[in-house]
Amino acid sequence: MLAEIQMGTKDFTKKLAEKSGIDGEKEELLGVENMIKVVDLKREVHALKGELKVNKKTIEEKDKEIERLKSQLNDK
């Protein structure tokens, strides 16, 4: 019975490959390629989040400096 199922699966895969124009090996490689792209995108998102935190700190520091300078102007 298992052999029949495997044969049916092979036939289905062969028919699908014929209709799509992509063979099984290329189709498997597309899946791997997509996984690699996902990993790369996750790394890029992580790096951008780090940059965003740094930029946010810089903005907060500049805002504090602006408030300090405004306070000095008001005191004069």
N, C-alpha and C. Protein backbone atom coordinates (compact mmCIF):
# COMPACT_ATOMS: atom_id res chain seq x y z
N MET A 1 0.83 -1.19 0.00
CA MET A 1 0.00 0.00 0.00
C MET A 1 0.87 1.26 0.00
N LEU A 2 1.94 1.26 0.82
CA LEU A 2 2.84 2.41 0.87
C LEU A 2 3.47 2.66 -0.49
N ALA A 3 3.82 1.60 -1.19
CA ALA A 3 4.40 1.75 -2.52
C ALA A 3 3.40 2.41 -3.47
N GLU A 4 2.11 2.06 -3.33
CA GLU A 4 1.08 2.66 -4.18
C GLU A 4 0.95 4.15 -3.90
N ILE A 5 1.01 4.51 -2.64
CA ILE A 5 0.90 5.92 -2.26
C ILE A 5 2.10 6.69 -2.80
N GLN A 6 3.30 6.10 -2.63
CA GLN A 6 4.50 6.76 -3.13
C GLN A 6 4.46 6.92 -4.64
N MET A 7 3.94 5.90 -5.32
CA MET A 7 3.82 5.97 -6.77
C MET A 7 2.85 7.06 -7.16
N GLY A 8 1.73 7.16 -6.43
CA GLY A 8 0.75 8.21 -6.71
C GLY A 8 1.33 9.58 -6.48
N THR A 9 2.13 9.71 -5.44
CA THR A 9 2.78 10.98 -5.14
C THR A 9 3.77 11.35 -6.23
N LYS A 10 4.53 10.37 -6.70
CA LYS A 10 5.50 10.64 -7.77
C LYS A 10 4.78 11.08 -9.04
N ASP A 11 3.66 10.39 -9.36
CA ASP A 11 2.89 10.77 -10.54
C ASP A 11 2.35 12.18 -10.41
N PHE A 12 1.82 12.50 -9.22
CA PHE A 12 1.28 13.83 -8.99
C PHE A 12 2.37 14.88 -9.13
N THR A 13 3.54 14.62 -8.54
CA THR A 13 4.65 15.56 -8.62
C THR A 13 5.09 15.75 -10.06
N LYS A 14 5.13 14.64 -10.81
CA LYS A 14 5.54 14.71 -12.21
C LYS A 14 4.54 15.54 -13.03
N LYS A 15 3.26 15.32 -12.81
CA LYS A 15 2.23 16.08 -13.52
C LYS A 15 2.30 17.56 -13.16
N LEU A 16 2.50 17.83 -11.88
CA LEU A 16 2.60 19.22 -11.42
C LEU A 16 3.80 19.91 -12.05
N ALA A 17 4.92 19.21 -12.10
CA ALA A 17 6.13 19.77 -12.70
C ALA A 17 5.91 20.06 -14.19
N GLU A 18 5.22 19.16 -14.86
CA GLU A 18 4.95 19.36 -16.29
C GLU A 18 4.07 20.59 -16.51
N LYS A 19 3.05 20.74 -15.68
CA LYS A 19 2.14 21.87 -15.83
C LYS A 19 2.80 23.20 -15.47
N SER A 20 3.62 23.19 -14.42
CA SER A 20 4.23 24.44 -13.96
C SER A 20 5.48 24.80 -14.75
N GLY A 21 6.09 23.81 -15.37
CA GLY A 21 7.32 24.06 -16.11
C GLY A 21 8.55 24.10 -15.21
N ILE A 22 8.37 23.78 -13.94
CA ILE A 22 9.49 23.76 -12.99
C ILE A 22 9.67 22.33 -12.51
N ASP A 23 10.89 21.82 -12.57
CA ASP A 23 11.10 20.46 -12.10
C ASP A 23 11.21 20.43 -10.58
N GLY A 24 11.15 19.25 -10.02
CA GLY A 24 11.13 19.07 -8.57
C GLY A 24 12.35 19.64 -7.87
N GLU A 25 13.52 19.45 -8.46
CA GLU A 25 14.74 19.97 -7.84
C GLU A 25 14.74 21.49 -7.77
N LYS A 26 14.33 22.12 -8.86
CA LYS A 26 14.27 23.59 -8.88
C LYS A 26 13.23 24.08 -7.88
N GLU A 27 12.13 23.36 -7.78
CA GLU A 27 11.07 23.75 -6.84
C GLU A 27 11.59 23.68 -5.40
N GLU A 28 12.34 22.64 -5.08
CA GLU A 28 12.93 22.51 -3.74
C GLU A 28 13.91 23.64 -3.49
N LEU A 29 14.70 23.98 -4.49
CA LEU A 29 15.67 25.07 -4.34
C LEU A 29 14.98 26.41 -4.14
N LEU A 30 13.82 26.59 -4.76
CA LEU A 30 13.07 27.83 -4.55
C LEU A 30 12.66 27.96 -3.09
N GLY A 31 12.28 26.85 -2.48
CA GLY A 31 11.91 26.87 -1.07
C GLY A 31 13.09 27.26 -0.19
N VAL A 32 14.26 26.70 -0.49
CA VAL A 32 15.47 27.02 0.26
C VAL A 32 15.83 28.49 0.06
N GLU A 33 15.73 28.95 -1.17
CA GLU A 33 16.03 30.35 -1.48
C GLU A 33 15.12 31.29 -0.69
N ASN A 34 13.84 30.93 -0.60
CA ASN A 34 12.90 31.76 0.15
C ASN A 34 13.24 31.77 1.64
N MET A 35 13.68 30.62 2.18
CA MET A 35 14.07 30.57 3.59
C MET A 35 15.28 31.48 3.84
N ILE A 36 16.23 31.47 2.92
CA ILE A 36 17.41 32.32 3.05
C ILE A 36 17.00 33.79 3.01
N LYS A 37 16.08 34.14 2.12
CA LYS A 37 15.61 35.52 2.03
C LYS A 37 14.95 35.94 3.34
N VAL A 38 14.18 35.05 3.95
CA VAL A 38 13.52 35.37 5.22
C VAL A 38 14.55 35.65 6.30
N VAL A 39 15.59 34.82 6.37
CA VAL A 39 16.65 35.02 7.37
C VAL A 39 17.34 36.36 7.13
N ASP A 40 17.65 36.67 5.87
CA ASP A 40 18.30 37.94 5.55
C ASP A 40 17.41 39.12 5.94
N LEU A 41 16.13 39.02 5.66
CA LEU A 41 15.21 40.11 6.01
C LEU A 41 15.09 40.28 7.52
N LYS A 42 15.09 39.17 8.26
CA LYS A 42 15.04 39.27 9.72
C LYS A 42 16.28 39.97 10.25
N ARG A 43 17.45 39.65 9.69
CA ARG A 43 18.69 40.32 10.10
C ARG A 43 18.62 41.81 9.80
N GLU A 44 18.10 42.15 8.63
CA GLU A 44 18.00 43.55 8.25
C GLU A 44 17.05 44.30 9.18
N VAL A 45 15.93 43.69 9.51
CA VAL A 45 14.98 44.30 10.44
C VAL A 45 15.63 44.52 11.79
N HIS A 46 16.38 43.53 12.27
CA HIS A 46 17.06 43.64 13.56
C HIS A 46 18.06 44.81 13.54
N ALA A 47 18.81 44.93 12.46
CA ALA A 47 19.78 46.01 12.34
C ALA A 47 19.07 47.37 12.30
N LEU A 48 17.97 47.45 11.58
CA LEU A 48 17.23 48.71 11.50
C LEU A 48 16.63 49.10 12.84
N LYS A 49 16.18 48.10 13.60
CA LYS A 49 15.65 48.39 14.94
C LYS A 49 16.75 48.97 15.83
N GLY A 50 17.96 48.43 15.71
CA GLY A 50 19.09 48.96 16.47
C GLY A 50 19.39 50.40 16.10
N GLU A 51 19.39 50.70 14.80
CA GLU A 51 19.61 52.07 14.35
C GLU A 51 18.51 53.00 14.85
N LEU A 52 17.29 52.51 14.85
CA LEU A 52 16.16 53.31 15.31
C LEU A 52 16.32 53.67 16.79
N LYS A 53 16.78 52.72 17.60
CA LYS A 53 17.00 52.98 19.03
C LYS A 53 18.06 54.06 19.22
N VAL A 54 19.14 53.95 18.44
CA VAL A 54 20.22 54.94 18.53
C VAL A 54 19.69 56.31 18.13
N ASN A 55 18.94 56.38 17.04
CA ASN A 55 18.39 57.66 16.58
C ASN A 55 17.42 58.24 17.60
N LYS A 56 16.64 57.38 18.23
CA LYS A 56 15.68 57.84 19.24
C LYS A 56 16.42 58.45 20.43
N LYS A 57 17.51 57.81 20.87
CA LYS A 57 18.31 58.34 21.97
C LYS A 57 18.90 59.69 21.60
N THR A 58 19.39 59.81 20.38
CA THR A 58 19.98 61.06 19.92
C THR A 58 18.94 62.17 19.93
N ILE A 59 17.75 61.86 19.46
CA ILE A 59 16.66 62.86 19.44
C ILE A 59 16.31 63.28 20.86
N GLU A 60 16.22 62.32 21.78
CA GLU A 60 15.91 62.64 23.17
C GLU A 60 16.98 63.55 23.77
N GLU A 61 18.25 63.26 23.49
CA GLU A 61 19.34 64.08 24.00
C GLU A 61 19.27 65.50 23.43
N LYS A 62 18.96 65.61 22.15
CA LYS A 62 18.86 66.93 21.51
C LYS A 62 17.68 67.71 22.08
N ASP A 63 16.56 67.01 22.33
CA ASP A 63 15.40 67.66 22.93
C ASP A 63 15.73 68.21 24.32
N LYS A 64 16.49 67.44 25.11
CA LYS A 64 16.90 67.90 26.43
C LYS A 64 17.79 69.14 26.31
N GLU A 65 18.69 69.11 25.34
CA GLU A 65 19.58 70.26 25.12
C GLU A 65 18.78 71.49 24.71
N ILE A 66 17.79 71.32 23.87
CA ILE A 66 16.93 72.43 23.45
C ILE A 66 16.20 73.02 24.66
N GLU A 67 15.66 72.15 25.50
CA GLU A 67 14.95 72.62 26.69
C GLU A 67 15.90 73.38 27.62
N ARG A 68 17.11 72.88 27.77
CA ARG A 68 18.10 73.54 28.62
C ARG A 68 18.43 74.93 28.08
N LEU A 69 18.62 75.03 26.76
CA LEU A 69 18.94 76.32 26.15
C LEU A 69 17.77 77.29 26.24
N LYS A 70 16.55 76.77 26.09
CA LYS A 70 15.36 77.62 26.24
C LYS A 70 15.29 78.17 27.66
N SER A 71 15.60 77.32 28.61
CA SER A 71 15.58 77.72 30.01
C SER A 71 16.61 78.82 30.26
N GLN A 72 17.78 78.69 29.67
CA GLN A 72 18.82 79.72 29.81
C GLN A 72 18.36 81.04 29.20
N LEU A 73 17.68 80.98 28.07
CA LEU A 73 17.19 82.21 27.43
C LEU A 73 16.12 82.88 28.29
N ASN A 74 15.28 82.10 28.88
CA ASN A 74 14.21 82.66 29.71
C ASN A 74 14.76 83.28 30.99
N ASP A 75 15.88 82.78 31.48
CA ASP A 75 16.48 83.29 32.71
C ASP A 75 17.14 84.65 32.49
N LYS A 76 17.49 84.97 31.27
CA LYS A 76 18.20 86.24 30.98
C LYS A 76 17.26 87.37 30.84
